[in-house]
Amino acid sequence: MNDPSRTAGDWGRDWPAPAKINLFLHVVGRRADGYHLLQTVFRFLDFGDALRFAPRADEAIVLATPLPGVPAASDLTVRAAHALRAAGGIRLGAVRGVTIRFEKRLPLGGGLGGGSSNAATTLLALNRLWDCGLSSAELQRIGLALGADVPVFLHGRSTFAEGVGERFTDVMPAPAWYLVLMPPVVVPTVEVFRAPDLCRDTPAIAPAQWRDGFGGNDLEPVACRLYPEVARHLDWLRALGVPARMSGSGACCFGEFPDEAAARAAHASLPADMRGFVARGVDVHPLAVP
């Protein structure tokens, strides 16, 4: 049952939606239906968007902060709320409408999982606020229908992911800080995966074989060819002598540093025409269920 005393304070709070990076990303095959088979390690950052939810007297689901060029009905947060309400078994008479607001800090089309993270946080928050009582596995099934990256944010741990990104083996990367650069371009994921020169046959490994520093990002050469700004930002990071990669399908790139001071010193030396932020790698999502 909906317990107003338990959730009243939560309606007024900010709910974090952290960024993710891919410590490596390999395309190891392709299914008959065209979906690519991947292996990757996801890690969260202590930087991201923030969402807030307000109850409504009606049953509407309203996004009060729509993104430019994205119809509210198509936004993943709105779709997540509708999907949860349809699956959540909310009792008759309970609060069913919601107004969603978010503070957007992560770039669109950046490979940091911003939209997927927002959708996952919506599912996690409203599962509590609407007192749906769904398990993590049930939320992940809903999330997978919204997007391939949504389940990892619901899973809530640094993890080696396989398949289309839905099979998880938890890992523990070494502590690290990152300088994340945000090239001024939007890289459409579908464009990268459709490229004829995309490597699709990198040999698969067992999750237990993964180690820090392993592999690369098979999507990176295509994104760099299509969007030279991505290549320029990667080149700048690598000139510092640190491990650097593109995250996801881009455009964002990150350099790895052993401590905060080194990452912030690199950030302070950024050229005037580059933007970025410093963040710590975290291995448990801030909303993860113990």
Protein backbone atom coordinates (compact mmCIF):
# COMPACT_ATOMS: atom_id res chain seq x y z
CA MET A 1 0.00 0.00 0.00
CA ASN A 2 0.99 3.58 -0.54
CA ASP A 3 2.36 4.94 2.75
CA PRO A 4 2.24 8.78 2.62
CA SER A 5 4.31 9.09 5.79
CA ARG A 6 7.11 7.05 4.20
CA THR A 7 7.21 8.84 0.86
CA ALA A 8 6.15 12.41 1.66
CA GLY A 9 9.70 13.66 2.13
CA ASP A 10 10.92 11.84 -0.96
CA TRP A 11 8.56 13.80 -3.21
CA GLY A 12 10.57 16.94 -2.48
CA ARG A 13 14.09 15.57 -2.85
CA ASP A 14 16.55 15.44 -5.74
CA TRP A 15 17.15 11.97 -7.20
CA PRO A 16 20.61 11.53 -8.79
CA ALA A 17 21.07 10.18 -12.31
CA PRO A 18 24.83 9.55 -12.62
CA ALA A 19 26.88 9.37 -15.80
CA LYS A 20 28.53 6.16 -16.91
CA ILE A 21 31.68 5.52 -18.89
CA ASN A 22 32.74 2.41 -20.78
CA LEU A 23 36.18 1.30 -19.64
CA PHE A 24 36.32 -0.77 -22.82
CA LEU A 25 33.75 -1.60 -25.50
CA HIS A 26 34.18 -4.43 -28.01
CA VAL A 27 31.80 -5.56 -30.75
CA VAL A 28 32.14 -9.35 -30.75
CA GLY A 29 29.43 -10.31 -33.25
CA ARG A 30 26.05 -9.60 -34.70
CA ARG A 31 22.73 -11.40 -34.27
CA ALA A 32 20.50 -12.45 -37.15
CA ASP A 33 18.10 -9.60 -36.26
CA GLY A 34 20.87 -7.05 -36.76
CA TYR A 35 21.59 -6.28 -33.10
CA HIS A 36 25.29 -6.11 -32.28
CA LEU A 37 26.77 -8.32 -29.58
CA LEU A 38 28.93 -6.34 -27.19
CA GLN A 39 31.30 -6.76 -24.31
CA THR A 40 31.98 -3.76 -22.10
CA VAL A 41 32.65 -2.64 -18.55
CA PHE A 42 30.34 0.06 -17.21
CA ARG A 43 31.47 2.36 -14.42
CA PHE A 44 29.48 5.19 -12.84
CA LEU A 45 30.77 8.68 -12.12
CA ASP A 46 29.95 10.99 -9.20
CA PHE A 47 28.59 13.51 -11.71
CA GLY A 48 25.31 13.56 -13.58
CA ASP A 49 21.78 14.88 -13.87
CA ALA A 50 19.32 15.34 -11.01
CA LEU A 51 15.57 14.67 -11.12
CA ARG A 52 12.70 15.84 -8.94
CA PHE A 53 9.16 14.46 -8.85
CA ALA A 54 5.95 16.16 -7.66
CA PRO A 55 2.60 14.41 -7.18
CA ARG A 56 -0.38 15.57 -9.21
CA ALA A 57 -4.10 15.56 -8.44
CA ASP A 58 -4.81 14.14 -11.91
CA GLU A 59 -3.30 11.13 -13.69
CA ALA A 60 -1.12 13.10 -16.11
CA ILE A 61 2.60 12.48 -16.50
CA VAL A 62 4.13 15.86 -17.29
CA LEU A 63 7.73 16.74 -18.09
CA ALA A 64 8.16 20.32 -16.90
CA THR A 65 11.68 20.67 -18.34
CA PRO A 66 11.53 19.32 -21.90
CA LEU A 67 14.74 19.18 -23.90
CA PRO A 68 14.99 21.33 -27.04
CA GLY A 69 13.96 19.30 -30.08
CA VAL A 70 12.75 16.30 -28.03
CA PRO A 71 8.94 15.96 -27.80
CA ALA A 72 7.97 15.37 -24.17
CA ALA A 73 6.09 12.19 -25.07
CA SER A 74 9.30 10.76 -26.58
CA ASP A 75 11.50 11.60 -23.60
CA LEU A 76 12.78 8.48 -21.85
CA THR A 77 11.75 9.79 -18.42
CA VAL A 78 8.12 10.14 -19.54
CA ARG A 79 8.19 6.76 -21.27
CA ALA A 80 9.68 5.19 -18.14
CA ALA A 81 6.94 6.63 -15.93
CA HIS A 82 4.20 5.33 -18.25
CA ALA A 83 5.84 1.89 -18.45
CA LEU A 84 6.16 1.63 -14.68
CA ARG A 85 2.59 2.71 -14.10
CA ALA A 86 1.38 0.11 -16.58
CA ALA A 87 3.39 -2.65 -14.88
CA GLY A 88 3.49 -1.51 -11.28
CA GLY A 89 0.11 -2.53 -9.92
CA ILE A 90 -0.59 0.85 -8.32
CA ARG A 91 -3.59 0.47 -6.07
CA LEU A 92 -6.83 2.27 -6.87
CA GLY A 93 -6.92 5.70 -5.27
CA ALA A 94 -3.14 6.06 -4.97
CA VAL A 95 -1.22 8.99 -6.43
CA ARG A 96 -0.91 8.17 -10.14
CA GLY A 97 0.09 11.44 -11.77
CA VAL A 98 3.49 13.09 -11.59
CA THR A 99 5.34 16.18 -12.74
CA ILE A 100 8.99 15.51 -13.59
CA ARG A 101 11.73 18.11 -13.57
CA PHE A 102 15.42 17.57 -14.15
CA GLU A 103 18.62 19.51 -14.04
CA LYS A 104 20.47 18.50 -17.20
CA ARG A 105 24.25 18.43 -16.86
CA LEU A 106 25.11 15.57 -19.21
CA PRO A 107 25.23 16.28 -22.95
CA LEU A 108 22.85 14.68 -25.43
CA GLY A 109 24.48 12.13 -27.70
CA GLY A 110 27.57 12.08 -25.52
CA GLY A 111 27.99 8.40 -24.73
CA LEU A 112 27.62 9.03 -20.99
CA GLY A 113 24.20 7.40 -20.73
CA GLY A 114 22.33 10.55 -19.71
CA GLY A 115 18.94 9.61 -21.14
CA SER A 116 19.21 6.02 -19.95
CA SER A 117 20.29 7.15 -16.50
CA ASN A 118 17.34 9.55 -16.29
CA ALA A 119 14.97 6.72 -17.26
CA ALA A 120 16.48 4.39 -14.65
CA THR A 121 16.25 7.03 -11.92
CA THR A 122 12.62 7.64 -12.88
CA LEU A 123 11.89 3.93 -12.48
CA LEU A 124 13.75 3.72 -9.16
CA ALA A 125 12.17 6.88 -7.75
CA LEU A 126 8.59 6.22 -8.83
CA ASN A 127 8.79 2.58 -7.79
CA ARG A 128 9.21 4.00 -4.29
CA LEU A 129 6.99 7.07 -4.54
CA TRP A 130 4.13 5.09 -6.09
CA ASP A 131 4.84 2.19 -3.70
CA CYS A 132 4.90 -0.30 -6.59
CA GLY A 133 7.21 -2.74 -4.81
CA LEU A 134 8.84 -4.08 -7.97
CA SER A 135 12.14 -5.92 -7.65
CA SER A 136 15.36 -4.87 -9.37
CA ALA A 137 14.93 -7.71 -11.87
CA GLU A 138 11.40 -6.54 -12.70
CA LEU A 139 12.58 -2.96 -13.13
CA GLN A 140 15.41 -4.16 -15.39
CA ARG A 141 12.91 -5.93 -17.65
CA ILE A 142 10.97 -2.69 -17.99
CA GLY A 143 14.20 -0.77 -18.54
CA LEU A 144 15.47 -3.05 -21.31
CA ALA A 145 12.35 -2.25 -23.34
CA LEU A 146 13.25 1.44 -23.05
CA GLY A 147 16.91 1.16 -24.08
CA ALA A 148 19.89 -1.19 -23.93
CA ASP A 149 21.78 0.92 -21.36
CA VAL A 150 18.89 1.41 -18.92
CA PRO A 151 19.27 -1.95 -17.10
CA VAL A 152 22.86 -1.30 -16.01
CA PHE A 153 21.78 1.79 -14.07
CA LEU A 154 19.10 -0.32 -12.39
CA HIS A 155 21.58 -3.11 -11.71
CA GLY A 156 23.59 -0.46 -9.90
CA ARG A 157 27.13 -1.88 -9.82
CA SER A 158 30.30 -1.61 -11.89
CA THR A 159 29.85 -4.54 -14.19
CA PHE A 160 31.09 -6.51 -17.18
CA ALA A 161 28.15 -6.51 -19.58
CA GLU A 162 27.55 -8.86 -22.49
CA GLY A 163 24.94 -9.61 -25.15
CA VAL A 164 23.20 -6.40 -26.15
CA GLY A 165 24.24 -5.08 -22.73
CA GLU A 166 21.84 -6.99 -20.49
CA ARG A 167 23.97 -9.80 -18.99
CA PHE A 168 26.07 -8.68 -16.02
CA THR A 169 29.10 -9.93 -14.11
CA ASP A 170 30.16 -7.48 -11.42
CA VAL A 171 33.76 -6.25 -11.37
CA MET A 172 35.78 -3.89 -9.18
CA PRO A 173 37.94 -1.47 -11.18
CA ALA A 174 40.86 0.23 -9.52
CA PRO A 175 40.12 3.61 -7.89
CA ALA A 176 40.49 6.41 -10.43
CA TRP A 177 39.56 9.97 -11.28
CA TYR A 178 38.58 11.05 -14.76
CA LEU A 179 38.71 14.17 -16.88
CA VAL A 180 35.73 13.88 -19.23
CA LEU A 181 35.76 16.05 -22.35
CA MET A 182 32.58 16.99 -24.20
CA PRO A 183 33.28 17.68 -27.91
CA PRO A 184 30.72 20.08 -29.42
CA VAL A 185 29.10 17.42 -31.62
CA VAL A 186 26.26 14.92 -31.26
CA VAL A 187 27.16 11.42 -32.44
CA PRO A 188 24.08 9.37 -33.43
CA THR A 189 24.60 5.83 -32.13
CA VAL A 190 22.79 4.28 -35.08
CA GLU A 191 25.13 6.02 -37.53
CA VAL A 192 28.17 4.48 -35.87
CA PHE A 193 26.72 0.98 -35.74
CA ARG A 194 25.66 1.13 -39.40
CA ALA A 195 29.13 2.11 -40.64
CA PRO A 196 30.55 -0.51 -43.03
CA ASP A 197 34.04 -0.15 -41.55
CA LEU A 198 32.92 -0.87 -37.96
CA CYS A 199 34.89 -3.75 -36.45
CA ARG A 200 32.36 -6.47 -35.60
CA ASP A 201 34.56 -9.49 -34.89
CA THR A 202 36.75 -8.68 -31.90
CA PRO A 203 37.40 -11.97 -30.04
CA ALA A 204 35.23 -12.33 -26.94
CA ILE A 205 36.73 -12.88 -23.50
CA ALA A 206 35.36 -14.40 -20.31
CA PRO A 207 34.41 -11.81 -17.67
CA ALA A 208 37.06 -13.21 -15.32
CA GLN A 209 39.74 -12.34 -17.90
CA TRP A 210 39.01 -8.61 -17.73
CA ARG A 211 41.64 -6.43 -16.09
CA ASP A 212 42.06 -2.66 -15.71
CA GLY A 213 43.44 -1.20 -18.92
CA PHE A 214 42.19 -4.06 -21.10
CA GLY A 215 40.97 -3.51 -24.65
CA GLY A 216 39.73 -0.42 -26.44
CA ASN A 217 36.56 1.00 -27.94
CA ASP A 218 35.66 -0.55 -31.30
CA LEU A 219 33.30 2.35 -32.03
CA GLU A 220 36.02 4.94 -31.62
CA PRO A 221 37.66 4.75 -35.11
CA VAL A 222 34.29 5.21 -36.84
CA ALA A 223 33.27 8.13 -34.60
CA CYS A 224 36.66 9.79 -35.09
CA ARG A 225 36.37 9.44 -38.86
CA LEU A 226 32.86 10.85 -38.98
CA TYR A 227 33.46 13.56 -36.37
CA PRO A 228 37.04 14.93 -36.34
CA GLU A 229 36.31 16.88 -33.14
CA VAL A 230 36.18 13.56 -31.29
CA ALA A 231 39.62 12.66 -32.62
CA ARG A 232 40.99 16.10 -31.66
CA HIS A 233 39.79 15.77 -28.07
CA LEU A 234 41.19 12.25 -27.77
CA ASP A 235 44.53 13.39 -29.17
CA TRP A 236 44.71 16.17 -26.57
CA LEU A 237 44.07 13.72 -23.72
CA ARG A 238 46.60 11.20 -25.02
CA ALA A 239 49.23 13.91 -25.32
CA LEU A 240 49.07 14.09 -21.52
CA GLY A 241 50.40 10.54 -21.37
CA VAL A 242 47.31 9.07 -19.66
CA PRO A 243 44.97 6.26 -20.77
CA ALA A 244 42.20 7.86 -22.82
CA ARG A 245 39.14 6.49 -24.56
CA MET A 246 35.84 7.50 -26.06
CA SER A 247 32.81 6.47 -23.99
CA GLY A 248 30.04 4.49 -25.66
CA SER A 249 29.41 5.66 -29.20
CA GLY A 250 30.72 9.14 -28.34
CA ALA A 251 31.16 11.98 -28.49
CA CYS A 252 32.53 12.27 -24.94
CA CYS A 253 36.07 11.12 -24.19
CA PHE A 254 37.82 10.55 -20.89
CA GLY A 255 41.32 10.41 -19.53
CA GLU A 256 42.10 8.36 -16.43
CA PHE A 257 44.14 9.77 -13.54
CA PRO A 258 45.34 8.22 -10.28
CA ASP A 259 44.06 11.04 -8.07
CA GLU A 260 41.88 14.13 -8.00
CA ALA A 261 44.76 16.61 -8.02
CA ALA A 262 46.18 15.24 -11.28
CA ALA A 263 42.75 15.26 -12.94
CA ARG A 264 42.05 18.83 -11.85
CA ALA A 265 45.46 20.00 -13.01
CA ALA A 266 44.73 18.58 -16.45
CA HIS A 267 41.31 20.24 -16.45
CA ALA A 268 42.93 23.58 -15.62
CA SER A 269 45.13 23.25 -18.71
CA LEU A 270 42.25 22.70 -21.14
CA PRO A 271 42.35 24.84 -24.29
CA ALA A 272 39.78 27.61 -24.34
CA ASP A 273 37.72 25.82 -27.01
CA MET A 274 37.34 22.57 -25.04
CA ARG A 275 34.86 21.82 -22.24
CA GLY A 276 34.97 19.10 -19.65
CA PHE A 277 34.51 18.09 -16.04
CA VAL A 278 36.35 16.10 -13.40
CA ALA A 279 34.65 13.15 -11.68
CA ARG A 280 35.52 10.21 -9.49
CA GLY A 281 34.73 6.68 -10.56
CA VAL A 282 32.15 5.05 -8.28
CA ASP A 283 31.22 1.38 -8.22
CA VAL A 284 27.76 1.51 -6.64
CA HIS A 285 24.88 3.58 -8.00
CA PRO A 286 23.74 6.16 -5.40
CA LEU A 287 20.20 4.71 -5.51
CA ALA A 288 21.26 1.05 -5.59
CA VAL A 289 19.27 -1.38 -3.49
CA PRO A 290 21.63 -3.16 -1.03
